[in-house]
């Protein structure tokens, strides 16, 4: 990605005190909501979301029943750590207090 674009994203995200990933996600989300993507695209996005939810639930079930009873908690801890950026949780709907 162009350095000027990366710097612009960083500045804009810092201005509103969110992570870069959250800021870009919000732009995409807002564009999608405001422009009401055509039905085909909306269906594709919904299918991807459903597949992602299924995969997450299935993986969590496998982790919960793994021989190493600490593995699930370890994976969750790594997820939390890798999705925190400069003290801010990345993602639109995740709040620090929920963790």
Protein backbone atom coordinates (compact mmCIF):
# COMPACT_ATOMS: atom_id res chain seq x y z
CA UNK A 1 0.00 0.00 0.00
CA UNK A 2 1.18 3.52 -0.75
CA UNK A 3 3.01 5.14 2.19
CA UNK A 4 0.96 8.33 1.82
CA UNK A 5 -2.25 6.29 2.16
CA UNK A 6 -0.90 4.45 5.20
CA UNK A 7 0.05 7.74 6.84
CA UNK A 8 -3.36 9.23 6.04
CA UNK A 9 -5.11 6.21 7.60
CA UNK A 10 -2.89 6.44 10.69
CA UNK A 11 -3.59 10.15 11.13
CA UNK A 12 -7.34 9.78 10.67
CA UNK A 13 -7.51 6.81 13.06
CA UNK A 14 -5.50 8.68 15.68
CA UNK A 15 -7.79 11.71 15.32
CA UNK A 16 -10.80 9.65 16.40
CA UNK A 17 -8.79 7.51 18.86
CA UNK A 18 -9.35 4.11 17.22
CA UNK A 19 -7.02 1.54 15.71
CA UNK A 20 -6.22 1.74 12.02
CA UNK A 21 -7.96 -1.55 11.39
CA UNK A 22 -11.12 -0.30 13.10
CA UNK A 23 -11.04 2.96 11.16
CA UNK A 24 -10.73 1.19 7.79
CA UNK A 25 -13.42 -1.30 8.83
CA UNK A 26 -15.76 1.53 9.74
CA UNK A 27 -15.21 3.18 6.35
CA UNK A 28 -16.07 -0.07 4.54
CA UNK A 29 -19.04 -0.73 6.82
CA UNK A 30 -20.41 2.78 6.33
CA UNK A 31 -19.96 2.61 2.57
CA UNK A 32 -21.71 -0.75 2.46
CA UNK A 33 -24.63 0.46 4.57
CA UNK A 34 -25.01 3.79 2.75
CA UNK A 35 -24.78 2.36 -0.75
CA UNK A 36 -26.85 -0.74 -0.14
CA UNK A 37 -24.70 -3.13 -2.13
CA UNK A 38 -26.55 -5.10 -4.75
CA UNK A 39 -28.33 -8.27 -3.63
CA UNK A 40 -25.66 -10.58 -5.07
CA UNK A 41 -22.88 -8.91 -3.11
CA UNK A 42 -25.00 -8.79 0.03
CA UNK A 43 -25.69 -12.53 -0.30
CA UNK A 44 -21.97 -13.24 -0.79
CA UNK A 45 -21.10 -11.23 2.33
CA UNK A 46 -23.80 -13.01 4.34
CA UNK A 47 -22.53 -16.42 3.13
CA UNK A 48 -18.97 -15.55 4.13
CA UNK A 49 -20.17 -14.34 7.52
CA UNK A 50 -22.16 -17.54 8.11
CA UNK A 51 -19.19 -19.70 7.10
CA UNK A 52 -16.95 -17.71 9.41
CA UNK A 53 -19.35 -18.14 12.34
CA UNK A 54 -19.61 -21.89 11.68
CA UNK A 55 -15.82 -22.21 11.48
CA UNK A 56 -15.33 -20.27 14.71
CA UNK A 57 -17.92 -22.34 16.57
CA UNK A 58 -16.50 -25.61 15.23
CA UNK A 59 -12.94 -24.64 16.13
CA UNK A 60 -13.99 -23.54 19.60
CA UNK A 61 -15.74 -26.89 20.08
CA UNK A 62 -12.63 -28.77 19.02
CA UNK A 63 -10.50 -26.68 21.38
CA UNK A 64 -12.95 -27.20 24.25
CA UNK A 65 -12.72 -30.99 23.82
CA UNK A 66 -8.98 -31.22 23.19
CA UNK A 67 -6.85 -33.47 25.40
CA UNK A 68 -4.91 -30.39 26.53
CA UNK A 69 -7.60 -28.70 28.64
CA UNK A 70 -5.59 -25.45 28.70
CA UNK A 71 -5.37 -25.15 24.90
CA UNK A 72 -8.68 -23.30 24.44
CA UNK A 73 -7.76 -20.64 27.00
CA UNK A 74 -4.31 -20.27 25.43
CA UNK A 75 -5.82 -19.70 21.99
CA UNK A 76 -8.31 -17.17 23.38
CA UNK A 77 -5.48 -15.33 25.17
CA UNK A 78 -3.41 -15.16 21.99
CA UNK A 79 -6.45 -13.88 20.08
CA UNK A 80 -7.01 -11.11 22.62
CA UNK A 81 -3.34 -10.11 22.57
CA UNK A 82 -3.08 -10.08 18.78
CA UNK A 83 -6.27 -8.07 18.40
CA UNK A 84 -5.16 -5.29 20.70
CA UNK A 85 -3.36 -2.39 19.09
CA UNK A 86 -1.86 0.38 21.22
CA UNK A 87 -4.19 -0.47 24.10
CA UNK A 88 -7.25 -0.40 21.85
CA UNK A 89 -9.21 -3.47 20.87
CA UNK A 90 -9.48 -3.80 17.10
CA UNK A 91 -12.94 -4.31 15.69
CA UNK A 92 -16.14 -2.31 15.79
CA UNK A 93 -18.12 -4.12 18.43
CA UNK A 94 -15.52 -5.38 20.91
CA UNK A 95 -15.11 -3.34 24.06
CA UNK A 96 -12.16 -3.55 26.43
CA UNK A 97 -14.57 -4.14 29.32
CA UNK A 98 -15.98 -7.25 27.62
CA UNK A 99 -12.60 -8.97 27.83
